[in-house]
PDB file of all heavy atoms in Angstrom:
ATOM      1  N   GLY A   1       0.809  -1.221   0.013  1.00  0.00           N
ATOM      2  CA  GLY A   1      -0.014   0.004  -0.007  1.00  0.00           C
ATOM      3  C   GLY A   1       0.859   1.264  -0.002  1.00  0.00           C
ATOM      4  O   GLY A   1       0.515   2.226  -0.711  1.00  0.00           O
ATOM      5  N   LEU A   2       1.907   1.284   0.769  1.00  0.00           N
ATOM      6  CA  LEU A   2       2.790   2.448   0.814  1.00  0.00           C
ATOM      7  C   LEU A   2       3.397   2.699  -0.583  1.00  0.00           C
ATOM      8  O   LEU A   2       3.476   3.808  -1.057  1.00  0.00           O
ATOM      9  CB  LEU A   2       3.889   2.266   1.845  1.00  0.00           C
ATOM     10  CG  LEU A   2       3.409   2.253   3.303  1.00  0.00           C
ATOM     11  CD1 LEU A   2       4.546   1.869   4.236  1.00  0.00           C
ATOM     12  CD2 LEU A   2       2.810   3.610   3.683  1.00  0.00           C
ATOM     13  N   THR A   3       3.813   1.600  -1.244  1.00  0.00           N
ATOM     14  CA  THR A   3       4.393   1.718  -2.576  1.00  0.00           C
ATOM     15  C   THR A   3       3.374   2.277  -3.559  1.00  0.00           C
ATOM     16  O   THR A   3       3.657   3.203  -4.345  1.00  0.00           O
ATOM     17  CB  THR A   3       4.912   0.365  -3.058  1.00  0.00           C
ATOM     18  OG1 THR A   3       5.909  -0.092  -2.146  1.00  0.00           O
ATOM     19  CG2 THR A   3       5.493   0.438  -4.435  1.00  0.00           C
ATOM     20  N   LEU A   4       2.156   1.694  -3.562  1.00  0.00           N
ATOM     21  CA  LEU A   4       1.094   2.172  -4.480  1.00  0.00           C
ATOM     22  C   LEU A   4       0.714   3.602  -4.177  1.00  0.00           C
ATOM     23  O   LEU A   4       0.461   4.386  -5.108  1.00  0.00           O
ATOM     24  CB  LEU A   4      -0.131   1.256  -4.380  1.00  0.00           C
ATOM     25  CG  LEU A   4       0.018  -0.142  -4.988  1.00  0.00           C
ATOM     26  CD1 LEU A   4      -1.256  -0.953  -4.747  1.00  0.00           C
ATOM     27  CD2 LEU A   4       0.310  -0.068  -6.478  1.00  0.00           C
ATOM     28  N   ALA A   5       0.657   3.983  -2.931  1.00  0.00           N
ATOM     29  CA  ALA A   5       0.297   5.362  -2.551  1.00  0.00           C
ATOM     30  C   ALA A   5       1.281   6.346  -3.142  1.00  0.00           C
ATOM     31  O   ALA A   5       0.876   7.364  -3.714  1.00  0.00           O
ATOM     32  CB  ALA A   5       0.218   5.479  -1.027  1.00  0.00           C
ATOM     33  N   GLU A   6       2.585   6.053  -3.030  1.00  0.00           N
ATOM     34  CA  GLU A   6       3.593   6.951  -3.578  1.00  0.00           C
ATOM     35  C   GLU A   6       3.533   6.985  -5.096  1.00  0.00           C
ATOM     36  O   GLU A   6       3.753   8.027  -5.727  1.00  0.00           O
ATOM     37  CB  GLU A   6       5.001   6.524  -3.124  1.00  0.00           C
ATOM     38  CG  GLU A   6       5.325   7.006  -1.724  1.00  0.00           C
ATOM     39  CD  GLU A   6       6.767   6.819  -1.406  1.00  0.00           C
ATOM     40  OE1 GLU A   6       7.151   5.659  -1.064  1.00  0.00           O
ATOM     41  OE2 GLU A   6       7.536   7.790  -1.459  1.00  0.00           O
ATOM     42  N   GLN A   7       3.271   5.857  -5.698  1.00  0.00           N
ATOM     43  CA  GLN A   7       3.265   5.759  -7.144  1.00  0.00           C
ATOM     44  C   GLN A   7       2.051   6.447  -7.783  1.00  0.00           C
ATOM     45  O   GLN A   7       2.161   7.114  -8.792  1.00  0.00           O
ATOM     46  CB  GLN A   7       3.294   4.291  -7.565  1.00  0.00           C
ATOM     47  CG  GLN A   7       3.398   4.048  -9.047  1.00  0.00           C
ATOM     48  CD  GLN A   7       3.518   2.560  -9.369  1.00  0.00           C
ATOM     49  OE1 GLN A   7       3.549   1.704  -8.510  1.00  0.00           O
ATOM     50  NE2 GLN A   7       3.547   2.271 -10.658  1.00  0.00           N
ATOM     51  N   TYR A   8       0.845   6.250  -7.190  1.00  0.00           N
ATOM     52  CA  TYR A   8      -0.384   6.707  -7.832  1.00  0.00           C
ATOM     53  C   TYR A   8      -1.032   7.938  -7.162  1.00  0.00           C
ATOM     54  O   TYR A   8      -1.975   8.495  -7.730  1.00  0.00           O
ATOM     55  CB  TYR A   8      -1.403   5.554  -7.868  1.00  0.00           C
ATOM     56  CG  TYR A   8      -0.999   4.465  -8.807  1.00  0.00           C
ATOM     57  CD1 TYR A   8      -0.408   3.311  -8.338  1.00  0.00           C
ATOM     58  CD2 TYR A   8      -1.190   4.613 -10.202  1.00  0.00           C
ATOM     59  CE1 TYR A   8      -0.026   2.287  -9.217  1.00  0.00           C
ATOM     60  CE2 TYR A   8      -0.822   3.597 -11.063  1.00  0.00           C
ATOM     61  CZ  TYR A   8      -0.225   2.453 -10.564  1.00  0.00           C
ATOM     62  OH  TYR A   8       0.179   1.497 -11.427  1.00  0.00           O
ATOM     63  N   LEU A   9      -0.573   8.327  -5.999  1.00  0.00           N
ATOM     64  CA  LEU A   9      -1.119   9.507  -5.298  1.00  0.00           C
ATOM     65  C   LEU A   9      -2.643   9.517  -5.275  1.00  0.00           C
ATOM     66  O   LEU A   9      -3.296  10.371  -5.909  1.00  0.00           O
ATOM     67  CB  LEU A   9      -0.564  10.803  -5.902  1.00  0.00           C
ATOM     68  CG  LEU A   9       0.955  10.957  -5.904  1.00  0.00           C
ATOM     69  CD1 LEU A   9       1.358  12.199  -6.647  1.00  0.00           C
ATOM     70  CD2 LEU A   9       1.545  10.904  -4.498  1.00  0.00           C
ATOM     71  N   PRO A  10      -3.247   8.557  -4.575  1.00  0.00           N
ATOM     72  CA  PRO A  10      -4.732   8.467  -4.524  1.00  0.00           C
ATOM     73  C   PRO A  10      -5.327   9.706  -3.886  1.00  0.00           C
ATOM     74  O   PRO A  10      -4.663  10.428  -3.133  1.00  0.00           O
ATOM     75  CB  PRO A  10      -4.967   7.216  -3.710  1.00  0.00           C
ATOM     76  CG  PRO A  10      -3.757   7.081  -2.858  1.00  0.00           C
ATOM     77  CD  PRO A  10      -2.627   7.583  -3.691  1.00  0.00           C
ATOM     78  N   ASP A  11      -6.632   9.872  -4.128  1.00  0.00           N
ATOM     79  CA  ASP A  11      -7.378  10.977  -3.553  1.00  0.00           C
ATOM     80  C   ASP A  11      -7.767  10.681  -2.087  1.00  0.00           C
ATOM     81  O   ASP A  11      -7.978  11.601  -1.304  1.00  0.00           O
ATOM     82  CB  ASP A  11      -8.610  11.249  -4.383  1.00  0.00           C
ATOM     83  CG  ASP A  11      -8.271  11.680  -5.784  1.00  0.00           C
ATOM     84  OD1 ASP A  11      -7.516  12.657  -5.938  1.00  0.00           O
ATOM     85  OD2 ASP A  11      -8.719  11.028  -6.738  1.00  0.00           O
ATOM     86  N   VAL A  12      -7.901   9.406  -1.762  1.00  0.00           N
ATOM     87  CA  VAL A  12      -8.222   8.984  -0.394  1.00  0.00           C
ATOM     88  C   VAL A  12      -7.652   7.587  -0.225  1.00  0.00           C
ATOM     89  O   VAL A  12      -7.599   6.800  -1.151  1.00  0.00           O
ATOM     90  CB  VAL A  12      -9.746   9.020  -0.120  1.00  0.00           C
ATOM     91  CG1 VAL A  12     -10.514   8.045  -0.980  1.00  0.00           C
ATOM     92  CG2 VAL A  12     -10.056   8.779   1.348  1.00  0.00           C
ATOM     93  N   ILE A  13      -7.204   7.309   1.000  1.00  0.00           N
ATOM     94  CA  ILE A  13      -6.626   5.978   1.334  1.00  0.00           C
ATOM     95  C   ILE A  13      -7.478   5.369   2.440  1.00  0.00           C
ATOM     96  O   ILE A  13      -7.696   6.007   3.497  1.00  0.00           O
ATOM     97  CB  ILE A  13      -5.151   6.086   1.808  1.00  0.00           C
ATOM     98  CG1 ILE A  13      -4.310   6.702   0.670  1.00  0.00           C
ATOM     99  CG2 ILE A  13      -4.621   4.737   2.238  1.00  0.00           C
ATOM    100  CD1 ILE A  13      -2.927   7.130   1.066  1.00  0.00           C
ATOM    101  N   LEU A  14      -7.959   4.170   2.191  1.00  0.00           N
ATOM    102  CA  LEU A  14      -8.735   3.403   3.170  1.00  0.00           C
ATOM    103  C   LEU A  14      -7.754   2.390   3.760  1.00  0.00           C
ATOM    104  O   LEU A  14      -7.163   1.587   3.013  1.00  0.00           O
ATOM    105  CB  LEU A  14      -9.940   2.715   2.537  1.00  0.00           C
ATOM    106  CG  LEU A  14     -10.883   3.633   1.757  1.00  0.00           C
ATOM    107  CD1 LEU A  14     -11.970   2.786   1.113  1.00  0.00           C
ATOM    108  CD2 LEU A  14     -11.468   4.706   2.651  1.00  0.00           C
ATOM    109  N   MET A  15      -7.618   2.373   5.073  1.00  0.00           N
ATOM    110  CA  MET A  15      -6.558   1.583   5.749  1.00  0.00           C
ATOM    111  C   MET A  15      -7.153   0.640   6.755  1.00  0.00           C
ATOM    112  O   MET A  15      -7.733   1.101   7.745  1.00  0.00           O
ATOM    113  CB  MET A  15      -5.618   2.562   6.403  1.00  0.00           C
ATOM    114  CG  MET A  15      -4.498   1.956   7.179  1.00  0.00           C
ATOM    115  SD  MET A  15      -3.166   1.291   6.171  1.00  0.00           S
ATOM    116  CE  MET A  15      -2.454   2.797   5.528  1.00  0.00           C
ATOM    117  N   ASP A  16      -6.936  -0.663   6.532  1.00  0.00           N
ATOM    118  CA  ASP A  16      -7.272  -1.637   7.572  1.00  0.00           C
ATOM    119  C   ASP A  16      -6.233  -1.433   8.675  1.00  0.00           C
ATOM    120  O   ASP A  16      -5.073  -1.160   8.427  1.00  0.00           O
ATOM    121  CB  ASP A  16      -7.182  -3.045   6.984  1.00  0.00           C
ATOM    122  CG  ASP A  16      -7.556  -4.119   7.985  1.00  0.00           C
ATOM    123  OD1 ASP A  16      -8.256  -3.829   8.943  1.00  0.00           O
ATOM    124  OD2 ASP A  16      -7.131  -5.285   7.778  1.00  0.00           O
ATOM    125  N   ILE A  17      -6.661  -1.549   9.926  1.00  0.00           N
ATOM    126  CA  ILE A  17      -5.734  -1.356  11.037  1.00  0.00           C
ATOM    127  C   ILE A  17      -4.919  -2.605  11.332  1.00  0.00           C
ATOM    128  O   ILE A  17      -3.708  -2.509  11.599  1.00  0.00           O
ATOM    129  CB  ILE A  17      -6.529  -0.936  12.311  1.00  0.00           C
ATOM    130  CG1 ILE A  17      -7.225   0.422  12.091  1.00  0.00           C
ATOM    131  CG2 ILE A  17      -5.598  -0.850  13.538  1.00  0.00           C
ATOM    132  CD1 ILE A  17      -6.317   1.591  11.854  1.00  0.00           C
ATOM    133  N   ASN A  18      -5.545  -3.763  11.296  1.00  0.00           N
ATOM    134  CA  ASN A  18      -4.862  -5.007  11.647  1.00  0.00           C
ATOM    135  C   ASN A  18      -4.418  -5.752  10.423  1.00  0.00           C
ATOM    136  O   ASN A  18      -5.225  -6.351   9.718  1.00  0.00           O
ATOM    137  CB  ASN A  18      -5.802  -5.902  12.479  1.00  0.00           C
ATOM    138  CG  ASN A  18      -6.202  -5.238  13.785  1.00  0.00           C
ATOM    139  OD1 ASN A  18      -5.356  -4.715  14.489  1.00  0.00           O
ATOM    140  ND2 ASN A  18      -7.461  -5.249  14.092  1.00  0.00           N
ATOM    141  N   MET A  19      -3.105  -5.671  10.163  1.00  0.00           N
ATOM    142  CA  MET A  19      -2.534  -6.379   9.027  1.00  0.00           C
ATOM    143  C   MET A  19      -1.269  -7.109   9.488  1.00  0.00           C
ATOM    144  O   MET A  19      -0.620  -6.680  10.424  1.00  0.00           O
ATOM    145  CB  MET A  19      -2.223  -5.417   7.883  1.00  0.00           C
ATOM    146  CG  MET A  19      -3.491  -4.937   7.218  1.00  0.00           C
ATOM    147  SD  MET A  19      -3.177  -3.848   5.842  1.00  0.00           S
ATOM    148  CE  MET A  19      -2.550  -2.402   6.669  1.00  0.00           C
ATOM    149  N   PRO A  20      -0.900  -8.176   8.827  1.00  0.00           N
ATOM    150  CA  PRO A  20       0.201  -9.002   9.307  1.00  0.00           C
ATOM    151  C   PRO A  20       1.592  -8.382   9.183  1.00  0.00           C
ATOM    152  O   PRO A  20       2.431  -8.605  10.037  1.00  0.00           O
ATOM    153  CB  PRO A  20       0.106 -10.268   8.464  1.00  0.00           C
ATOM    154  CG  PRO A  20      -0.659  -9.905   7.256  1.00  0.00           C
ATOM    155  CD  PRO A  20      -1.585  -8.749   7.655  1.00  0.00           C
ATOM    156  N   ASP A  21       1.856  -7.590   8.122  1.00  0.00           N
ATOM    157  CA  ASP A  21       3.211  -7.132   7.945  1.00  0.00           C
ATOM    158  C   ASP A  21       3.545  -5.847   8.707  1.00  0.00           C
ATOM    159  O   ASP A  21       4.641  -5.653   9.207  1.00  0.00           O
ATOM    160  CB  ASP A  21       3.517  -6.941   6.435  1.00  0.00           C
ATOM    161  CG  ASP A  21       2.661  -5.859   5.777  1.00  0.00           C
ATOM    162  OD1 ASP A  21       1.531  -5.612   6.245  1.00  0.00           O
ATOM    163  OD2 ASP A  21       3.096  -5.296   4.754  1.00  0.00           O
ATOM    164  N   MET A  22       2.592  -4.957   8.799  1.00  0.00           N
ATOM    165  CA  MET A  22       2.767  -3.674   9.481  1.00  0.00           C
ATOM    166  C   MET A  22       1.352  -3.200   9.795  1.00  0.00           C
ATOM    167  O   MET A  22       0.493  -3.213   8.942  1.00  0.00           O
ATOM    168  CB  MET A  22       3.470  -2.673   8.562  1.00  0.00           C
ATOM    169  CG  MET A  22       3.514  -1.240   9.086  1.00  0.00           C
ATOM    170  SD  MET A  22       4.031  -0.040   7.806  1.00  0.00           S
ATOM    171  CE  MET A  22       5.652  -0.573   7.363  1.00  0.00           C
ATOM    172  N   ASP A  23       1.109  -2.788  11.048  1.00  0.00           N
ATOM    173  CA  ASP A  23      -0.258  -2.382  11.308  1.00  0.00           C
ATOM    174  C   ASP A  23      -0.574  -1.047  10.651  1.00  0.00           C
ATOM    175  O   ASP A  23       0.326  -0.287  10.261  1.00  0.00           O
ATOM    176  CB  ASP A  23      -0.556  -2.404  12.832  1.00  0.00           C
ATOM    177  CG  ASP A  23      -0.047  -1.232  13.625  1.00  0.00           C
ATOM    178  OD1 ASP A  23       0.013  -0.104  13.097  1.00  0.00           O
ATOM    179  OD2 ASP A  23       0.283  -1.433  14.794  1.00  0.00           O
ATOM    180  N   GLY A  24      -1.861  -0.809  10.494  1.00  0.00           N
ATOM    181  CA  GLY A  24      -2.301   0.372   9.784  1.00  0.00           C
ATOM    182  C   GLY A  24      -1.931   1.673  10.444  1.00  0.00           C
ATOM    183  O   GLY A  24      -1.834   2.700   9.763  1.00  0.00           O
ATOM    184  N   LEU A  25      -1.720   1.663  11.762  1.00  0.00           N
ATOM    185  CA  LEU A  25      -1.324   2.875  12.466  1.00  0.00           C
ATOM    186  C   LEU A  25       0.092   3.298  12.045  1.00  0.00           C
ATOM    187  O   LEU A  25       0.355   4.460  11.757  1.00  0.00           O
ATOM    188  CB  LEU A  25      -1.430   2.691  13.970  1.00  0.00           C
ATOM    189  CG  LEU A  25      -2.803   2.267  14.476  1.00  0.00           C
ATOM    190  CD1 LEU A  25      -2.773   2.069  15.982  1.00  0.00           C
ATOM    191  CD2 LEU A  25      -3.871   3.314  14.099  1.00  0.00           C
ATOM    192  N   VAL A  26       1.019   2.323  12.026  1.00  0.00           N
ATOM    193  CA  VAL A  26       2.376   2.601  11.598  1.00  0.00           C
ATOM    194  C   VAL A  26       2.409   3.008  10.113  1.00  0.00           C
ATOM    195  O   VAL A  26       3.103   3.965   9.731  1.00  0.00           O
ATOM    196  CB  VAL A  26       3.297   1.379  11.848  1.00  0.00           C
ATOM    197  CG1 VAL A  26       4.675   1.591  11.262  1.00  0.00           C
ATOM    198  CG2 VAL A  26       3.383   1.107  13.346  1.00  0.00           C
ATOM    199  N   ALA A  27       1.610   2.330   9.303  1.00  0.00           N
ATOM    200  CA  ALA A  27       1.552   2.674   7.885  1.00  0.00           C
ATOM    201  C   ALA A  27       1.033   4.091   7.716  1.00  0.00           C
ATOM    202  O   ALA A  27       1.538   4.845   6.873  1.00  0.00           O
ATOM    203  CB  ALA A  27       0.664   1.659   7.139  1.00  0.00           C
ATOM    204  N   THR A  28       0.027   4.479   8.485  1.00  0.00           N
ATOM    205  CA  THR A  28      -0.511   5.841   8.382  1.00  0.00           C
ATOM    206  C   THR A  28       0.555   6.852   8.804  1.00  0.00           C
ATOM    207  O   THR A  28       0.710   7.894   8.116  1.00  0.00           O
ATOM    208  CB  THR A  28      -1.754   5.975   9.259  1.00  0.00           C
ATOM    209  OG1 THR A  28      -2.763   5.089   8.777  1.00  0.00           O
ATOM    210  CG2 THR A  28      -2.313   7.421   9.253  1.00  0.00           C
ATOM    211  N   GLN A  29       1.264   6.601   9.869  1.00  0.00           N
ATOM    212  CA  GLN A  29       2.350   7.509  10.262  1.00  0.00           C
ATOM    213  C   GLN A  29       3.370   7.650   9.171  1.00  0.00           C
ATOM    214  O   GLN A  29       3.870   8.752   8.925  1.00  0.00           O
ATOM    215  CB  GLN A  29       2.998   6.999  11.553  1.00  0.00           C
ATOM    216  CG  GLN A  29       2.092   7.104  12.772  1.00  0.00           C
ATOM    217  CD  GLN A  29       2.646   6.396  13.991  1.00  0.00           C
ATOM    218  OE1 GLN A  29       3.434   5.410  13.863  1.00  0.00           O
ATOM    219  NE2 GLN A  29       2.254   6.848  15.165  1.00  0.00           N
ATOM    220  N   THR A  30       3.689   6.562   8.467  1.00  0.00           N
ATOM    221  CA  THR A  30       4.666   6.587   7.393  1.00  0.00           C
ATOM    222  C   THR A  30       4.089   7.440   6.227  1.00  0.00           C
ATOM    223  O   THR A  30       4.824   8.252   5.665  1.00  0.00           O
ATOM    224  CB  THR A  30       4.970   5.141   6.915  1.00  0.00           C
ATOM    225  OG1 THR A  30       5.455   4.407   8.034  1.00  0.00           O
ATOM    226  CG2 THR A  30       5.985   5.143   5.817  1.00  0.00           C
ATOM    227  N   LEU A  31       2.845   7.226   5.898  1.00  0.00           N
ATOM    228  CA  LEU A  31       2.197   8.024   4.841  1.00  0.00           C
ATOM    229  C   LEU A  31       2.267   9.494   5.121  1.00  0.00           C
ATOM    230  O   LEU A  31       2.481  10.320   4.229  1.00  0.00           O
ATOM    231  CB  LEU A  31       0.752   7.593   4.639  1.00  0.00           C
ATOM    232  CG  LEU A  31       0.468   6.254   3.936  1.00  0.00           C
ATOM    233  CD1 LEU A  31      -0.961   5.853   4.124  1.00  0.00           C
ATOM    234  CD2 LEU A  31       0.866   6.346   2.480  1.00  0.00           C
ATOM    235  N   ARG A  32       2.018   9.869   6.372  1.00  0.00           N
ATOM    236  CA  ARG A  32       2.008  11.271   6.750  1.00  0.00           C
ATOM    237  C   ARG A  32       3.355  11.963   6.605  1.00  0.00           C
ATOM    238  O   ARG A  32       3.445  13.183   6.569  1.00  0.00           O
ATOM    239  CB  ARG A  32       1.490  11.444   8.185  1.00  0.00           C
ATOM    240  CG  ARG A  32       0.002  11.110   8.317  1.00  0.00           C
ATOM    241  CD  ARG A  32      -0.793  12.145   7.572  1.00  0.00           C
ATOM    242  NE  ARG A  32      -2.232  11.852   7.587  1.00  0.00           N
ATOM    243  CZ  ARG A  32      -3.008  12.002   6.556  1.00  0.00           C
ATOM    244  NH1 ARG A  32      -2.535  12.385   5.409  1.00  0.00           N
ATOM    245  NH2 ARG A  32      -4.270  11.736   6.631  1.00  0.00           N
ATOM    246  N   GLN A  33       4.436  11.164   6.506  1.00  0.00           N
ATOM    247  CA  GLN A  33       5.775  11.731   6.329  1.00  0.00           C
ATOM    248  C   GLN A  33       6.164  11.898   4.866  1.00  0.00           C
ATOM    249  O   GLN A  33       7.248  12.427   4.570  1.00  0.00           O
ATOM    250  CB  GLN A  33       6.770  10.854   7.062  1.00  0.00           C
ATOM    251  CG  GLN A  33       6.536  10.883   8.563  1.00  0.00           C
ATOM    252  CD  GLN A  33       7.479   9.970   9.335  1.00  0.00           C
ATOM    253  OE1 GLN A  33       8.534   9.631   8.836  1.00  0.00           O
ATOM    254  NE2 GLN A  33       7.097   9.615  10.558  1.00  0.00           N
ATOM    255  N   ILE A  34       5.300  11.467   3.973  1.00  0.00           N
ATOM    256  CA  ILE A  34       5.563  11.606   2.528  1.00  0.00           C
ATOM    257  C   ILE A  34       4.920  12.904   2.092  1.00  0.00           C
ATOM    258  O   ILE A  34       3.681  13.028   2.117  1.00  0.00           O
ATOM    259  CB  ILE A  34       4.961  10.401   1.738  1.00  0.00           C
ATOM    260  CG1 ILE A  34       5.622   9.099   2.240  1.00  0.00           C
ATOM    261  CG2 ILE A  34       5.173  10.603   0.236  1.00  0.00           C
ATOM    262  CD1 ILE A  34       4.927   7.840   1.719  1.00  0.00           C
ATOM    263  N   PRO A  35       5.704  13.919   1.683  1.00  0.00           N
ATOM    264  CA  PRO A  35       5.134  15.245   1.376  1.00  0.00           C
ATOM    265  C   PRO A  35       3.951  15.217   0.415  1.00  0.00           C
ATOM    266  O   PRO A  35       2.962  15.898   0.674  1.00  0.00           O
ATOM    267  CB  PRO A  35       6.316  16.011   0.811  1.00  0.00           C
ATOM    268  CG  PRO A  35       7.529  15.373   1.457  1.00  0.00           C
ATOM    269  CD  PRO A  35       7.165  13.910   1.569  1.00  0.00           C
ATOM    270  N   ALA A  36       4.010  14.437  -0.638  1.00  0.00           N
ATOM    271  CA  ALA A  36       2.935  14.412  -1.641  1.00  0.00           C
ATOM    272  C   ALA A  36       1.643  13.829  -1.101  1.00  0.00           C
ATOM    273  O   ALA A  36       0.594  14.005  -1.682  1.00  0.00           O
ATOM    274  CB  ALA A  36       3.400  13.665  -2.888  1.00  0.00           C
ATOM    275  N   LEU A  37       1.723  13.109   0.050  1.00  0.00           N
ATOM    276  CA  LEU A  37       0.550  12.457   0.619  1.00  0.00           C
ATOM    277  C   LEU A  37       0.166  13.023   1.964  1.00  0.00           C
ATOM    278  O   LEU A  37      -0.781  12.559   2.598  1.00  0.00           O
ATOM    279  CB  LEU A  37       0.824  10.970   0.797  1.00  0.00           C
ATOM    280  CG  LEU A  37       1.064  10.184  -0.533  1.00  0.00           C
ATOM    281  CD1 LEU A  37       1.622   8.809  -0.226  1.00  0.00           C
ATOM    282  CD2 LEU A  37      -0.221  10.093  -1.324  1.00  0.00           C
TER     283      LEU A  37
END
């Protein structure tokens, strides 16, 4: 999801919180640090 978000710059991101590789909270924090997102 992080890769696709950077590549396609969606208008809105829907994020499941509980995921096996990285939880949605950490992923959201990471997204917030990407200037374009």
